[in-house]
Amino acid sequence: MSSEDTQVGQFVHHDYFTADKEGARAFYCGLAGWTTQDMPMGDSVYTMLMRPGGGVGGLEQLDAGGHPHWVAYLRVSNVALTLATVESLGGTVTKAETPIGPGSSYAIFLDPWGAACGVYASAQDPGMGARAGNGEFSWGELAVPDIDAALDFYTTVFPSWEVAESSSMGQMGRYQLFRQKGAPKERHLGGILVPPPQAPAAYWIHYISVPDLSATMDAVKAAGGQVLFPPTSVGGADLITQCLDPFGGMFALHSSGPDEDDLETVVMKAAPA
């Protein structure tokens, strides 16, 4: 497998869609230690979210009437072919393929249950690697009513994915992992579960790695956000929680312990709110 092939199917970029870009800039940079760089894009300005070593995502202007949300972009070999597959399986393209530089383009779709997902193609993206550092996104989690149907959809749209282990969360039901085909254990990318009754019918939530979960939770609350459940110990010294930002957008936090437990172990032992 070539070095380029190993990047296909990874989460490589995350955008936050908001009506209050300045508020979101202050909130998320304060939590994750990010800086920003404004990039003129024709009639608009794209705000890149930066950490030492490069960009992790960006801030996008939300359409009127939309709800604030994060969208993660997965690396694909061909955006047009991926979108054709999405539509053939009942998904909806909400942002057509859009070029963003020589040999690079992106698009956004809704899966058949309404969860938003992005795709991105470029021969120059380095991919995530095996384990995210502080200030990086470390995990993607899909909440959807039908886990098996979602697995069929996503493994067809992203043929570099495969179904991995699953575990029971008691009354919360099953937690199903997915990863890149043929990848070693540390290449797990995320998990799928059925959403709790009080949550939206389907959504993606993305975990940001932070050095101190308790301190970051305090910062969330001090800045007007909400913590949805207490810090959950999920293997070694690893902790997770999920939050709402002051604008109503969902996100999650993860802090790594000194042990080598991978995040699939972390999340499999947790019971999200």
Protein backbone atom coordinates (compact mmCIF):
# COMPACT_ATOMS: atom_id res chain seq x y z
CA MET A 1 0.00 0.00 0.00
CA SER A 2 1.44 3.38 -0.94
CA SER A 3 1.77 6.25 1.52
CA GLU A 4 -1.02 8.06 -0.34
CA ASP A 5 -3.34 5.07 -0.09
CA THR A 6 -2.99 4.96 3.70
CA GLN A 7 -4.50 8.46 3.88
CA VAL A 8 -7.71 7.61 2.01
CA GLY A 9 -10.57 7.21 4.49
CA GLN A 10 -9.03 9.29 7.26
CA PHE A 11 -10.60 12.38 8.84
CA VAL A 12 -8.31 15.13 7.59
CA HIS A 13 -10.09 18.42 8.29
CA HIS A 14 -12.95 19.80 10.43
CA ASP A 15 -15.05 22.89 9.74
CA TYR A 16 -17.38 24.63 12.16
CA PHE A 17 -20.41 26.28 10.54
CA THR A 18 -21.63 29.22 12.61
CA ALA A 19 -23.49 32.52 12.32
CA ASP A 20 -21.06 34.02 14.86
CA LYS A 21 -17.56 33.46 13.54
CA GLU A 22 -15.95 35.87 16.00
CA GLY A 23 -17.68 34.26 18.95
CA ALA A 24 -16.71 30.79 17.75
CA ARG A 25 -13.13 31.93 17.18
CA ALA A 26 -12.83 33.15 20.77
CA PHE A 27 -14.55 30.09 22.27
CA TYR A 28 -12.70 27.32 20.47
CA CYS A 29 -9.29 28.99 20.44
CA GLY A 30 -9.63 29.50 24.19
CA LEU A 31 -10.41 25.81 24.72
CA ALA A 32 -8.03 24.10 22.33
CA GLY A 33 -5.14 26.57 22.21
CA TRP A 34 -5.72 27.21 18.51
CA THR A 35 -4.81 30.34 16.63
CA THR A 36 -6.48 31.56 13.45
CA GLN A 37 -5.50 32.74 10.02
CA ASP A 38 -8.00 34.53 7.76
CA MET A 39 -7.84 33.54 4.11
CA PRO A 40 -9.73 35.59 1.48
CA MET A 41 -11.84 33.30 -0.73
CA GLY A 42 -13.39 35.50 -3.41
CA ASP A 43 -16.34 37.29 -1.81
CA SER A 44 -15.85 35.63 1.57
CA VAL A 45 -13.16 34.98 4.17
CA TYR A 46 -12.30 31.48 5.40
CA THR A 47 -10.86 31.40 8.92
CA MET A 48 -8.32 28.60 9.34
CA LEU A 49 -7.96 27.06 12.81
CA MET A 50 -4.28 26.45 13.48
CA ARG A 51 -2.15 24.56 15.97
CA PRO A 52 1.66 24.30 15.99
CA GLY A 53 2.48 22.22 12.95
CA GLY A 54 -0.47 23.16 10.75
CA GLY A 55 -4.20 23.58 10.38
CA VAL A 56 -6.84 21.43 12.06
CA GLY A 57 -9.95 22.98 10.54
CA GLY A 58 -11.74 26.21 9.91
CA LEU A 59 -14.72 28.46 10.53
CA GLU A 60 -17.42 28.73 7.87
CA GLN A 61 -20.35 31.13 7.67
CA LEU A 62 -23.62 29.38 8.42
CA ASP A 63 -26.54 29.80 6.03
CA ALA A 64 -29.50 31.77 7.41
CA GLY A 65 -31.70 29.57 9.58
CA GLY A 66 -29.11 26.79 9.92
CA HIS A 67 -28.02 25.21 13.21
CA PRO A 68 -24.34 25.50 14.26
CA HIS A 69 -22.47 22.26 13.62
CA TRP A 70 -19.10 20.67 12.93
CA VAL A 71 -18.43 18.81 9.67
CA ALA A 72 -15.49 16.44 9.33
CA TYR A 73 -13.96 15.82 5.90
CA LEU A 74 -12.75 12.37 4.93
CA ARG A 75 -9.99 11.88 2.40
CA VAL A 76 -11.22 10.18 -0.79
CA SER A 77 -9.59 9.39 -4.10
CA ASN A 78 -12.30 11.00 -6.23
CA VAL A 79 -14.94 13.41 -4.91
CA ALA A 80 -17.29 13.10 -7.90
CA LEU A 81 -17.39 9.30 -7.76
CA THR A 82 -17.91 9.39 -3.99
CA LEU A 83 -20.86 11.76 -4.33
CA ALA A 84 -22.41 9.59 -7.03
CA THR A 85 -22.25 6.65 -4.61
CA VAL A 86 -23.77 8.76 -1.83
CA GLU A 87 -26.75 9.69 -4.00
CA SER A 88 -27.23 6.13 -5.27
CA LEU A 89 -27.59 4.99 -1.65
CA GLY A 90 -30.12 7.63 -0.60
CA GLY A 91 -27.81 10.38 0.64
CA THR A 92 -28.14 14.04 -0.38
CA VAL A 93 -25.35 16.30 -1.63
CA THR A 94 -25.66 19.69 0.09
CA LYS A 95 -22.39 21.22 -1.16
CA ALA A 96 -21.37 20.23 -4.69
CA GLU A 97 -17.76 19.45 -5.47
CA THR A 98 -15.84 22.69 -5.08
CA PRO A 99 -12.20 23.20 -6.16
CA ILE A 100 -9.94 24.82 -3.56
CA GLY A 101 -6.56 24.62 -5.27
CA PRO A 102 -4.60 22.67 -7.85
CA GLY A 103 -5.74 19.06 -7.62
CA SER A 104 -7.86 19.64 -4.50
CA SER A 105 -11.63 19.76 -4.00
CA TYR A 106 -14.25 19.13 -1.35
CA ALA A 107 -17.99 18.53 -0.94
CA ILE A 108 -20.55 17.90 1.81
CA PHE A 109 -23.43 15.43 1.97
CA LEU A 110 -26.14 14.26 4.33
CA ASP A 111 -26.38 10.53 4.89
CA PRO A 112 -29.84 8.91 4.58
CA TRP A 113 -30.55 9.71 8.26
CA GLY A 114 -29.56 13.39 8.01
CA ALA A 115 -26.05 13.41 9.51
CA ALA A 116 -23.62 15.74 7.72
CA CYS A 117 -20.28 14.50 6.41
CA GLY A 118 -17.61 16.03 4.17
CA VAL A 119 -15.25 14.57 1.58
CA TYR A 120 -11.95 15.93 0.37
CA ALA A 121 -9.48 14.93 -2.32
CA SER A 122 -5.87 16.08 -2.57
CA ALA A 123 -2.60 14.35 -3.34
CA GLN A 124 -0.85 16.56 -0.78
CA ASP A 125 -2.71 15.91 2.49
CA PRO A 126 -0.61 14.04 5.09
CA GLY A 127 -3.48 12.35 6.93
CA MET A 128 -4.02 12.14 10.68
CA GLY A 129 -1.60 9.48 11.79
CA ALA A 130 -2.27 6.88 14.44
CA ARG A 131 -2.93 8.96 17.54
CA ALA A 132 -3.85 12.63 17.75
CA GLY A 133 -1.91 15.11 19.84
CA ASN A 134 -3.32 17.89 21.98
CA GLY A 135 -5.35 20.34 19.95
CA GLU A 136 -6.15 17.78 17.24
CA PHE A 137 -9.35 15.90 16.52
CA SER A 138 -8.91 12.36 17.78
CA TRP A 139 -12.16 10.50 17.07
CA GLY A 140 -15.33 10.61 14.96
CA GLU A 141 -18.57 9.23 16.38
CA LEU A 142 -21.82 8.69 14.48
CA ALA A 143 -25.14 8.48 16.32
CA VAL A 144 -27.75 6.92 14.03
CA PRO A 145 -30.96 4.89 14.54
CA ASP A 146 -29.84 1.86 12.50
CA ILE A 147 -26.21 0.88 13.09
CA ASP A 148 -26.10 -1.95 10.56
CA ALA A 149 -27.67 0.12 7.78
CA ALA A 150 -25.23 2.93 8.55
CA LEU A 151 -22.32 0.50 8.32
CA ASP A 152 -23.54 -0.68 4.92
CA PHE A 153 -23.86 2.92 3.72
CA TYR A 154 -20.51 4.21 4.97
CA THR A 155 -18.42 1.19 4.02
CA THR A 156 -19.84 1.47 0.50
CA VAL A 157 -19.23 5.22 0.28
CA PHE A 158 -15.77 4.76 1.83
CA PRO A 159 -14.54 1.38 0.57
CA SER A 160 -11.30 1.81 2.52
CA TRP A 161 -13.31 1.37 5.75
CA GLU A 162 -14.09 -1.93 7.43
CA VAL A 163 -16.21 -3.01 10.38
CA ALA A 164 -14.14 -3.63 13.51
CA GLU A 165 -14.97 -4.74 17.06
CA SER A 166 -18.14 -3.91 18.94
CA SER A 167 -19.07 -3.86 22.60
CA SER A 168 -22.18 -3.61 24.76
CA MET A 169 -22.98 -0.41 26.66
CA GLY A 170 -25.77 -2.04 28.63
CA GLN A 171 -29.06 -0.17 28.24
CA MET A 172 -27.33 2.18 25.79
CA GLY A 173 -26.97 -0.76 23.39
CA ARG A 174 -24.07 -1.55 21.09
CA TYR A 175 -21.00 0.51 20.28
CA GLN A 176 -19.56 -0.40 16.88
CA LEU A 177 -16.03 0.53 15.81
CA PHE A 178 -14.79 1.15 12.26
CA ARG A 179 -11.31 1.48 10.82
CA GLN A 180 -9.33 1.47 7.61
CA LYS A 181 -9.09 -1.90 5.90
CA GLY A 182 -6.05 -3.88 6.90
CA ALA A 183 -5.00 -1.25 9.40
CA PRO A 184 -3.32 -2.08 12.69
CA LYS A 185 -5.24 -1.59 15.92
CA GLU A 186 -4.22 2.03 16.38
CA ARG A 187 -5.79 2.98 13.05
CA HIS A 188 -9.37 2.82 14.34
CA LEU A 189 -11.14 5.98 13.23
CA GLY A 190 -14.32 6.09 15.30
CA GLY A 191 -17.52 4.41 16.36
CA ILE A 192 -21.26 4.20 15.77
CA LEU A 193 -24.07 4.00 18.32
CA VAL A 194 -27.82 4.59 18.56
CA PRO A 195 -28.54 8.13 19.84
CA PRO A 196 -30.22 8.56 23.22
CA PRO A 197 -33.92 9.54 23.14
CA GLN A 198 -33.28 13.20 23.96
CA ALA A 199 -30.70 13.65 21.17
CA PRO A 200 -31.19 14.46 17.48
CA ALA A 201 -32.12 11.50 15.28
CA ALA A 202 -28.69 11.32 13.64
CA TYR A 203 -25.48 13.30 13.94
CA TRP A 204 -21.70 13.12 13.90
CA ILE A 205 -19.79 14.35 16.96
CA HIS A 206 -16.04 14.88 16.90
CA TYR A 207 -13.57 14.63 19.78
CA ILE A 208 -10.84 17.22 20.41
CA SER A 209 -7.80 16.02 22.34
CA VAL A 210 -6.89 18.26 25.29
CA PRO A 211 -4.19 17.94 27.98
CA ASP A 212 -6.49 18.42 31.01
CA LEU A 213 -10.15 17.48 30.66
CA SER A 214 -11.27 18.92 33.99
CA ALA A 215 -9.71 22.31 33.30
CA THR A 216 -11.14 22.36 29.78
CA MET A 217 -14.63 21.52 31.07
CA ASP A 218 -14.35 24.45 33.49
CA ALA A 219 -13.39 26.66 30.55
CA VAL A 220 -16.40 25.42 28.55
CA LYS A 221 -18.77 26.40 31.35
CA ALA A 222 -17.03 29.71 32.05
CA ALA A 223 -17.39 30.64 28.37
CA GLY A 224 -21.13 29.90 28.30
CA GLY A 225 -21.09 26.31 27.05
CA GLN A 226 -22.59 23.20 28.63
CA VAL A 227 -21.02 19.91 29.69
CA LEU A 228 -23.41 17.07 28.92
CA PHE A 229 -21.98 14.48 31.31
CA PRO A 230 -19.20 14.30 33.93
CA PRO A 231 -15.68 13.29 32.93
CA THR A 232 -15.82 9.57 32.19
CA SER A 233 -12.80 7.39 32.91
CA VAL A 234 -12.57 4.93 30.06
CA GLY A 235 -9.28 3.09 30.31
CA GLY A 236 -6.11 3.98 32.16
CA ALA A 237 -6.10 7.73 32.76
CA ASP A 238 -8.07 8.52 29.59
CA LEU A 239 -11.18 10.67 30.02
CA ILE A 240 -13.95 11.89 27.72
CA THR A 241 -17.03 14.07 27.81
CA GLN A 242 -19.43 15.72 25.36
CA CYS A 243 -20.47 19.37 25.30
CA LEU A 244 -22.59 22.08 23.74
CA ASP A 245 -20.86 25.31 22.81
CA PRO A 246 -22.55 28.67 23.58
CA PHE A 247 -24.07 28.68 20.09
CA GLY A 248 -25.70 25.24 20.35
CA GLY A 249 -23.10 23.21 18.44
CA MET A 250 -22.09 19.77 19.76
CA PHE A 251 -18.50 18.72 20.27
CA ALA A 252 -16.59 16.29 22.47
CA LEU A 253 -13.37 16.32 24.48
CA HIS A 254 -10.79 13.62 25.13
CA SER A 255 -7.72 13.66 27.34
CA SER A 256 -5.07 10.96 27.00
CA GLY A 257 -3.43 9.26 29.91
CA PRO A 258 0.22 8.24 30.02
CA ASP A 259 -0.62 4.65 29.03
CA GLU A 260 -0.81 3.41 25.45
CA ASP A 261 -4.53 2.55 25.41
CA ASP A 262 -5.99 3.51 22.07
CA LEU A 263 -9.06 5.69 21.80
CA GLU A 264 -11.26 2.83 20.60
CA THR A 265 -10.78 1.32 24.07
CA VAL A 266 -11.50 4.69 25.61
CA VAL A 267 -14.78 5.24 23.83
CA MET A 268 -16.02 1.64 23.93
CA LYS A 269 -16.08 1.76 27.73
CA ALA A 270 -17.98 5.06 27.89
CA ALA A 271 -21.71 5.65 27.92
CA PRO A 272 -22.34 8.97 26.19
CA ALA A 273 -25.24 11.13 27.34
